C-alpha atoms as a PDB file:
ATOM      1  CA  UNK A   1      92.701  72.788 112.121  1.00  0.00           C
ATOM      2  CA  UNK A   2      91.958  74.786 109.019  1.00  0.00           C
ATOM      3  CA  UNK A   3      88.296  75.282 109.998  1.00  0.00           C
ATOM      4  CA  UNK A   4      89.367  76.372 113.463  1.00  0.00           C
ATOM      5  CA  UNK A   5      91.765  78.900 111.949  1.00  0.00           C
ATOM      6  CA  UNK A   6      89.016  80.205 109.592  1.00  0.00           C
ATOM      7  CA  UNK A   7      86.624  80.461 112.537  1.00  0.00           C
ATOM      8  CA  UNK A   8      89.185  82.434 114.577  1.00  0.00           C
ATOM      9  CA  UNK A   9      89.872  84.701 111.533  1.00  0.00           C
ATOM     10  CA  UNK A  10      86.097  85.229 110.955  1.00  0.00           C
ATOM     11  CA  UNK A  11      85.615  86.237 114.574  1.00  0.00           C
ATOM     12  CA  UNK A  12      88.556  88.528 114.495  1.00  0.00           C
ATOM     13  CA  UNK A  13      87.229  90.031 111.282  1.00  0.00           C
ATOM     14  CA  UNK A  14      83.852  90.699 112.914  1.00  0.00           C
ATOM     15  CA  UNK A  15      85.542  92.235 115.986  1.00  0.00           C
ATOM     16  CA  UNK A  16      87.698  94.634 113.881  1.00  0.00           C
ATOM     17  CA  UNK A  17      84.725  95.544 111.616  1.00  0.00           C
ATOM     18  CA  UNK A  18      82.453  96.326 114.625  1.00  0.00           C
ATOM     19  CA  UNK A  19      85.230  98.161 116.372  1.00  0.00           C
ATOM     20  CA  UNK A  20      85.870 100.241 113.216  1.00  0.00           C
ATOM     21  CA  UNK A  21      82.207 101.159 112.958  1.00  0.00           C
ATOM     22  CA  UNK A  22      82.059 102.055 116.686  1.00  0.00           C
ATOM     23  CA  UNK A  23      85.263 104.177 116.321  1.00  0.00           C
ATOM     24  CA  UNK A  24      83.905 106.054 113.332  1.00  0.00           C
ATOM     25  CA  UNK A  25      80.600 106.739 115.114  1.00  0.00           C
ATOM     26  CA  UNK A  26      82.513 108.170 118.058  1.00  0.00           C
ATOM     27  CA  UNK A  27      84.749 110.385 115.940  1.00  0.00           C
ATOM     28  CA  UNK A  28      81.911 111.492 113.684  1.00  0.00           C
ATOM     29  CA  UNK A  29      80.632 113.408 116.653  1.00  0.00           C
ATOM     30  CA  UNK A  30      83.833 115.507 116.942  1.00  0.00           C
ATOM     31  CA  UNK A  31      83.352 118.438 114.812  1.00  0.00           C
ATOM     32  CA  UNK A  32      86.539 119.881 113.168  1.00  0.00           C
ATOM     33  CA  UNK A  33      87.932 123.063 114.557  1.00  0.00           C
ATOM     34  CA  UNK A  34      88.553 124.369 110.995  1.00  0.00           C
ATOM     35  CA  UNK A  35      85.012 123.471 109.932  1.00  0.00           C
ATOM     36  CA  UNK A  36      86.114 121.879 106.609  1.00  0.00           C
ATOM     37  CA  UNK A  37      84.228 119.155 105.016  1.00  0.00           C
ATOM     38  CA  UNK A  38      85.689 115.915 103.677  1.00  0.00           C
ATOM     39  CA  UNK A  39      85.606 117.313 100.109  1.00  0.00           C
ATOM     40  CA  UNK A  40      87.305 120.525 101.206  1.00  0.00           C
ATOM     41  CA  UNK A  41      90.091 118.481 103.047  1.00  0.00           C
ATOM     42  CA  UNK A  42      90.831 116.539  99.838  1.00  0.00           C
ATOM     43  CA  UNK A  43      90.855 119.712  97.655  1.00  0.00           C
ATOM     44  CA  UNK A  44      93.322 121.502 100.113  1.00  0.00           C
ATOM     45  CA  UNK A  45      95.597 118.432 100.362  1.00  0.00           C
ATOM     46  CA  UNK A  46      95.693 118.112  96.520  1.00  0.00           C
ATOM     47  CA  UNK A  47      96.461 121.786  96.269  1.00  0.00           C
ATOM     48  CA  UNK A  48      99.210 121.599  98.858  1.00  0.00           C
ATOM     49  CA  UNK A  49     100.855 118.738  96.893  1.00  0.00           C
ATOM     50  CA  UNK A  50     100.515 120.572  93.643  1.00  0.00           C
ATOM     51  CA  UNK A  51      98.261 117.955  92.107  1.00  0.00           C
ATOM     52  CA  UNK A  52      95.879 119.047  89.419  1.00  0.00           C
ATOM     53  CA  UNK A  53      93.284 117.096  87.367  1.00  0.00           C
ATOM     54  CA  UNK A  54      92.011 114.936  90.239  1.00  0.00           C
ATOM     55  CA  UNK A  55      88.270 115.305  90.928  1.00  0.00           C
ATOM     56  CA  UNK A  56      86.428 114.773  94.309  1.00  0.00           C
ATOM     57  CA  UNK A  57      83.279 112.773  93.814  1.00  0.00           C
ATOM     58  CA  UNK A  58      80.448 111.770  96.235  1.00  0.00           C
ATOM     59  CA  UNK A  59      79.428 108.208  95.968  1.00  0.00           C
ATOM     60  CA  UNK A  60      76.605 106.266  97.718  1.00  0.00           C
ATOM     61  CA  UNK A  61      77.083 103.838 100.596  1.00  0.00           C
ATOM     62  CA  UNK A  62      78.969 103.707 103.830  1.00  0.00           C
ATOM     63  CA  UNK A  63      82.750 103.134 103.969  1.00  0.00           C
ATOM     64  CA  UNK A  64      82.739 103.113 100.143  1.00  0.00           C
ATOM     65  CA  UNK A  65      85.512 105.720  99.951  1.00  0.00           C
ATOM     66  CA  UNK A  66      88.329 104.947  97.467  1.00  0.00           C
ATOM     67  CA  UNK A  67      90.748 106.515  95.039  1.00  0.00           C
ATOM     68  CA  UNK A  68      90.458 105.419  91.309  1.00  0.00           C
ATOM     69  CA  UNK A  69      93.837 105.839  89.588  1.00  0.00           C
ATOM     70  CA  UNK A  70      92.154 105.121  86.172  1.00  0.00           C
ATOM     71  CA  UNK A  71      89.767 108.060  86.321  1.00  0.00           C
ATOM     72  CA  UNK A  72      91.819 110.140  88.766  1.00  0.00           C
ATOM     73  CA  UNK A  73      88.932 110.538  91.219  1.00  0.00           C
ATOM     74  CA  UNK A  74      88.785 110.619  94.961  1.00  0.00           C
ATOM     75  CA  UNK A  75      85.461 108.965  95.621  1.00  0.00           C
ATOM     76  CA  UNK A  76      84.046 109.849  99.072  1.00  0.00           C
ATOM     77  CA  UNK A  77      80.990 108.284 100.715  1.00  0.00           C
ATOM     78  CA  UNK A  78      78.197 110.796 101.280  1.00  0.00           C
ATOM     79  CA  UNK A  79      78.930 110.809 105.036  1.00  0.00           C
ATOM     80  CA  UNK A  80      82.468 111.772 104.477  1.00  0.00           C
ATOM     81  CA  UNK A  81      82.037 114.161 101.492  1.00  0.00           C
ATOM     82  CA  UNK A  82      79.773 116.520 103.380  1.00  0.00           C
ATOM     83  CA  UNK A  83      80.664 115.982 107.107  1.00  0.00           C
ATOM     84  CA  UNK A  84      82.953 118.193 109.057  1.00  0.00           C
ATOM     85  CA  UNK A  85      84.359 115.888 111.750  1.00  0.00           C
ATOM     86  CA  UNK A  86      87.526 113.959 112.757  1.00  0.00           C
ATOM     87  CA  UNK A  87      86.381 110.717 111.106  1.00  0.00           C
ATOM     88  CA  UNK A  88      85.595 112.475 107.745  1.00  0.00           C
ATOM     89  CA  UNK A  89      88.843 114.255 107.793  1.00  0.00           C
ATOM     90  CA  UNK A  90      90.822 111.059 108.395  1.00  0.00           C
ATOM     91  CA  UNK A  91      89.052 109.078 105.687  1.00  0.00           C
ATOM     92  CA  UNK A  92      89.235 112.031 103.143  1.00  0.00           C
ATOM     93  CA  UNK A  93      92.974 112.657 103.821  1.00  0.00           C
ATOM     94  CA  UNK A  94      93.649 108.891 103.561  1.00  0.00           C
ATOM     95  CA  UNK A  95      92.008 108.542 100.175  1.00  0.00           C
ATOM     96  CA  UNK A  96      93.824 111.717  98.977  1.00  0.00           C
ATOM     97  CA  UNK A  97      96.924 110.003 100.254  1.00  0.00           C
ATOM     98  CA  UNK A  98      96.414 107.454  97.455  1.00  0.00           C
ATOM     99  CA  UNK A  99      96.156 110.287  94.890  1.00  0.00           C
ATOM    100  CA  UNK A 100      99.462 111.672  96.222  1.00  0.00           C
ATOM    101  CA  UNK A 101     100.968 108.116  95.840  1.00  0.00           C
ATOM    102  CA  UNK A 102      99.726 108.052  92.277  1.00  0.00           C
ATOM    103  CA  UNK A 103     101.172 111.475  91.377  1.00  0.00           C
ATOM    104  CA  UNK A 104     104.541 110.632  92.907  1.00  0.00           C
ATOM    105  CA  UNK A 105     104.782 107.260  91.353  1.00  0.00           C
ATOM    106  CA  UNK A 106     104.738 105.208  94.570  1.00  0.00           C
ATOM    107  CA  UNK A 107     106.057 101.861  93.598  1.00  0.00           C
ATOM    108  CA  UNK A 108     103.645  99.595  95.611  1.00  0.00           C
ATOM    109  CA  UNK A 109     100.598 101.441  94.260  1.00  0.00           C
ATOM    110  CA  UNK A 110     101.850 100.975  90.728  1.00  0.00           C
ATOM    111  CA  UNK A 111     102.371  97.323  91.299  1.00  0.00           C
ATOM    112  CA  UNK A 112      98.891  96.856  92.909  1.00  0.00           C
ATOM    113  CA  UNK A 113      97.205  98.831  90.049  1.00  0.00           C
ATOM    114  CA  UNK A 114      98.998  96.595  87.449  1.00  0.00           C
ATOM    115  CA  UNK A 115      97.585  93.495  89.179  1.00  0.00           C
ATOM    116  CA  UNK A 116      93.959  94.691  89.296  1.00  0.00           C
ATOM    117  CA  UNK A 117      92.815  93.354  85.882  1.00  0.00           C
ATOM    118  CA  UNK A 118      94.423  89.940  86.491  1.00  0.00           C
ATOM    119  CA  UNK A 119      93.095  89.692  90.029  1.00  0.00           C
ATOM    120  CA  UNK A 120      89.662  90.383  88.874  1.00  0.00           C
ATOM    121  CA  UNK A 121      89.702  87.369  86.483  1.00  0.00           C
ATOM    122  CA  UNK A 122      91.645  85.149  88.955  1.00  0.00           C
ATOM    123  CA  UNK A 123      89.198  85.746  91.793  1.00  0.00           C
ATOM    124  CA  UNK A 124      86.309  84.603  89.740  1.00  0.00           C
ATOM    125  CA  UNK A 125      87.938  81.523  88.288  1.00  0.00           C
ATOM    126  CA  UNK A 126      90.254  80.179  91.029  1.00  0.00           C
ATOM    127  CA  UNK A 127      87.782  78.280  93.176  1.00  0.00           C
ATOM    128  CA  UNK A 128      86.116  76.528  90.126  1.00  0.00           C
ATOM    129  CA  UNK A 129      89.460  75.671  88.615  1.00  0.00           C
ATOM    130  CA  UNK A 130      90.769  74.179  92.009  1.00  0.00           C
ATOM    131  CA  UNK A 131      87.589  72.174  92.557  1.00  0.00           C
ATOM    132  CA  UNK A 132      87.537  71.003  88.975  1.00  0.00           C
ATOM    133  CA  UNK A 133      91.101  70.010  89.212  1.00  0.00           C
ATOM    134  CA  UNK A 134      90.594  68.113  92.546  1.00  0.00           C
ATOM    135  CA  UNK A 135      87.822  66.198  90.823  1.00  0.00           C
ATOM    136  CA  UNK A 136      89.866  65.371  87.804  1.00  0.00           C
ATOM    137  CA  UNK A 137      92.828  64.321  89.821  1.00  0.00           C
ATOM    138  CA  UNK A 138      90.892  61.150  90.747  1.00  0.00           C
ATOM    139  CA  UNK A 139      90.321  60.396  86.948  1.00  0.00           C
ATOM    140  CA  UNK A 140      93.166  61.748  84.729  1.00  0.00           C
ATOM    141  CA  UNK A 141      96.847  62.667  85.403  1.00  0.00           C
ATOM    142  CA  UNK A 142      96.393  66.229  84.188  1.00  0.00           C
ATOM    143  CA  UNK A 143      94.039  66.995  87.017  1.00  0.00           C
ATOM    144  CA  UNK A 144      96.879  67.971  89.243  1.00  0.00           C
ATOM    145  CA  UNK A 145      98.033  70.493  86.724  1.00  0.00           C
ATOM    146  CA  UNK A 146      94.578  72.028  86.464  1.00  0.00           C
ATOM    147  CA  UNK A 147      94.385  72.137  90.286  1.00  0.00           C
ATOM    148  CA  UNK A 148      97.783  73.736  90.571  1.00  0.00           C
ATOM    149  CA  UNK A 149      96.749  76.416  88.078  1.00  0.00           C
ATOM    150  CA  UNK A 150      93.757  77.106  90.294  1.00  0.00           C
ATOM    151  CA  UNK A 151      96.065  77.442  93.343  1.00  0.00           C
ATOM    152  CA  UNK A 152      98.228  79.888  91.419  1.00  0.00           C
ATOM    153  CA  UNK A 153      95.188  82.041  90.507  1.00  0.00           C
ATOM    154  CA  UNK A 154      94.107  82.098  94.096  1.00  0.00           C
ATOM    155  CA  UNK A 155      97.687  82.923  95.090  1.00  0.00           C
ATOM    156  CA  UNK A 156      97.480  86.055  92.803  1.00  0.00           C
ATOM    157  CA  UNK A 157      94.685  87.319  94.914  1.00  0.00           C
ATOM    158  CA  UNK A 158      96.544  86.631  98.116  1.00  0.00           C
ATOM    159  CA  UNK A 159      99.605  88.536  96.678  1.00  0.00           C
ATOM    160  CA  UNK A 160      97.281  91.399  95.886  1.00  0.00           C
ATOM    161  CA  UNK A 161      96.046  91.375  99.557  1.00  0.00           C
ATOM    162  CA  UNK A 162      99.694  91.540 100.814  1.00  0.00           C
ATOM    163  CA  UNK A 163     100.616  94.271  98.562  1.00  0.00           C
ATOM    164  CA  UNK A 164      97.650  96.265  99.684  1.00  0.00           C
ATOM    165  CA  UNK A 165      99.038  96.467 103.144  1.00  0.00           C
ATOM    166  CA  UNK A 166     102.035  98.822 102.537  1.00  0.00           C
ATOM    167  CA  UNK A 167      99.829 100.857 100.052  1.00  0.00           C
ATOM    168  CA  UNK A 168      97.176 101.419 102.780  1.00  0.00           C
ATOM    169  CA  UNK A 169      99.557 102.040 105.649  1.00  0.00           C
ATOM    170  CA  UNK A 170     101.564 104.552 103.513  1.00  0.00           C
ATOM    171  CA  UNK A 171      98.450 106.393 102.543  1.00  0.00           C
ATOM    172  CA  UNK A 172      97.510 106.780 106.204  1.00  0.00           C
ATOM    173  CA  UNK A 173     100.872 107.922 107.184  1.00  0.00           C
ATOM    174  CA  UNK A 174     100.784 110.591 104.456  1.00  0.00           C
ATOM    175  CA  UNK A 175      97.385 111.687 105.500  1.00  0.00           C
ATOM    176  CA  UNK A 176      98.294 112.029 109.233  1.00  0.00           C
ATOM    177  CA  UNK A 177     101.554 113.750 108.446  1.00  0.00           C
ATOM    178  CA  UNK A 178      99.793 116.343 106.326  1.00  0.00           C
ATOM    179  CA  UNK A 179      96.970 116.864 108.864  1.00  0.00           C
ATOM    180  CA  UNK A 180      99.542 117.524 111.529  1.00  0.00           C
ATOM    181  CA  UNK A 181     102.114 119.458 109.398  1.00  0.00           C
ATOM    182  CA  UNK A 182      99.572 121.847 108.084  1.00  0.00           C
ATOM    183  CA  UNK A 183      97.917 122.242 111.405  1.00  0.00           C
ATOM    184  CA  UNK A 184      94.625 121.152 109.967  1.00  0.00           C
ATOM    185  CA  UNK A 185      93.421 119.421 113.104  1.00  0.00           C
ATOM    186  CA  UNK A 186      93.778 119.951 116.882  1.00  0.00           C
ATOM    187  CA  UNK A 187      95.736 117.428 118.989  1.00  0.00           C
ATOM    188  CA  UNK A 188      92.498 115.717 120.122  1.00  0.00           C
ATOM    189  CA  UNK A 189      91.287 115.527 116.435  1.00  0.00           C
ATOM    190  CA  UNK A 190      94.549 114.114 115.286  1.00  0.00           C
ATOM    191  CA  UNK A 191      94.435 111.413 117.960  1.00  0.00           C
ATOM    192  CA  UNK A 192      90.920 110.551 116.740  1.00  0.00           C
ATOM    193  CA  UNK A 193      92.099 110.455 113.100  1.00  0.00           C
ATOM    194  CA  UNK A 194      95.035 108.127 113.982  1.00  0.00           C
ATOM    195  CA  UNK A 195      92.755 105.744 115.925  1.00  0.00           C
ATOM    196  CA  UNK A 196      90.243 105.587 113.133  1.00  0.00           C
ATOM    197  CA  UNK A 197      92.838 104.919 110.443  1.00  0.00           C
ATOM    198  CA  UNK A 198      94.562 102.348 112.615  1.00  0.00           C
ATOM    199  CA  UNK A 199      91.405 100.273 112.811  1.00  0.00           C
ATOM    200  CA  UNK A 200      90.615 100.706 109.150  1.00  0.00           C
ATOM    201  CA  UNK A 201      94.101  99.349 108.294  1.00  0.00           C
ATOM    202  CA  UNK A 202      93.485  96.326 110.513  1.00  0.00           C
ATOM    203  CA  UNK A 203      90.600  95.222 108.241  1.00  0.00           C
ATOM    204  CA  UNK A 204      93.176  94.760 105.441  1.00  0.00           C
ATOM    205  CA  UNK A 205      95.478  92.843 107.756  1.00  0.00           C
ATOM    206  CA  UNK A 206      92.796  90.398 108.734  1.00  0.00           C
ATOM    207  CA  UNK A 207      91.758  90.026 105.076  1.00  0.00           C
ATOM    208  CA  UNK A 208      95.364  89.175 104.103  1.00  0.00           C
ATOM    209  CA  UNK A 209      95.702  86.618 106.870  1.00  0.00           C
ATOM    210  CA  UNK A 210      92.475  84.974 105.848  1.00  0.00           C
ATOM    211  CA  UNK A 211      93.589  84.787 102.220  1.00  0.00           C
ATOM    212  CA  UNK A 212      97.011  83.289 103.220  1.00  0.00           C
ATOM    213  CA  UNK A 213      95.190  80.692 105.356  1.00  0.00           C
ATOM    214  CA  UNK A 214      92.829  79.689 102.538  1.00  0.00           C
ATOM    215  CA  UNK A 215      95.734  79.619 100.111  1.00  0.00           C
ATOM    216  CA  UNK A 216      97.654  77.285 102.441  1.00  0.00           C
ATOM    217  CA  UNK A 217      94.545  75.076 102.805  1.00  0.00           C
ATOM    218  CA  UNK A 218      94.116  74.689  98.995  1.00  0.00           C
ATOM    219  CA  UNK A 219      97.785  74.123  98.477  1.00  0.00           C
ATOM    220  CA  UNK A 220      97.670  71.273 101.023  1.00  0.00           C
ATOM    221  CA  UNK A 221      94.661  69.794  99.358  1.00  0.00           C
ATOM    222  CA  UNK A 222      96.257  69.833  95.952  1.00  0.00           C
ATOM    223  CA  UNK A 223      99.879  68.953  96.682  1.00  0.00           C
ATOM    224  CA  UNK A 224      99.497  67.051  99.953  1.00  0.00           C
ATOM    225  CA  UNK A 225      96.255  65.782 101.244  1.00  0.00           C
ATOM    226  CA  UNK A 226      94.875  64.478  97.919  1.00  0.00           C
ATOM    227  CA  UNK A 227      97.983  62.673  96.772  1.00  0.00           C
ATOM    228  CA  UNK A 228      98.139  59.959  99.396  1.00  0.00           C
END
């Protein structure tokens, strides 16, 4: 059953990812009425929110856009940084939405940021600790404890995935609200931005579901399936 679930989630992930790429390709052809680039969109949104000290940086890659609260930088992929279309505006405003969250002390972003160092370590160790614990369970009593620690480490990553959902949806809502309220886009451009961000958010939903399914599988192996 677990493998069937994982296959279904993998297929769902591929479908969402391919749809997202197709949507962005479509909306990349729709040039903005105001002629602003992604970089200019971010700068204007930062200014409108009274935020200073945040830099806008161009980074390599596709869909590599992100906000770094440590360095206070909005990092835009080359296609978003320079382009002047509905897709670029949506992504740029979304990433700037994270900068606004940071400036206003948005609780869920603060929680997620505090988890980043721990999740980085936990994600690298969890599988090895779980497997090692499962092997040791057949030999020594303490194997169960080790495996349980591994499940806990993996659970930290799952928690991070779940906390990411409200952070991402809130950033999109802030972006769309600002684009509409400041009349930055036309009705057609706004609809394109909404659609693009909707599919981008679904990638995080699928990732969270996959993480939950894997956590449930490991928990069963450690606390159920291996103890009979």
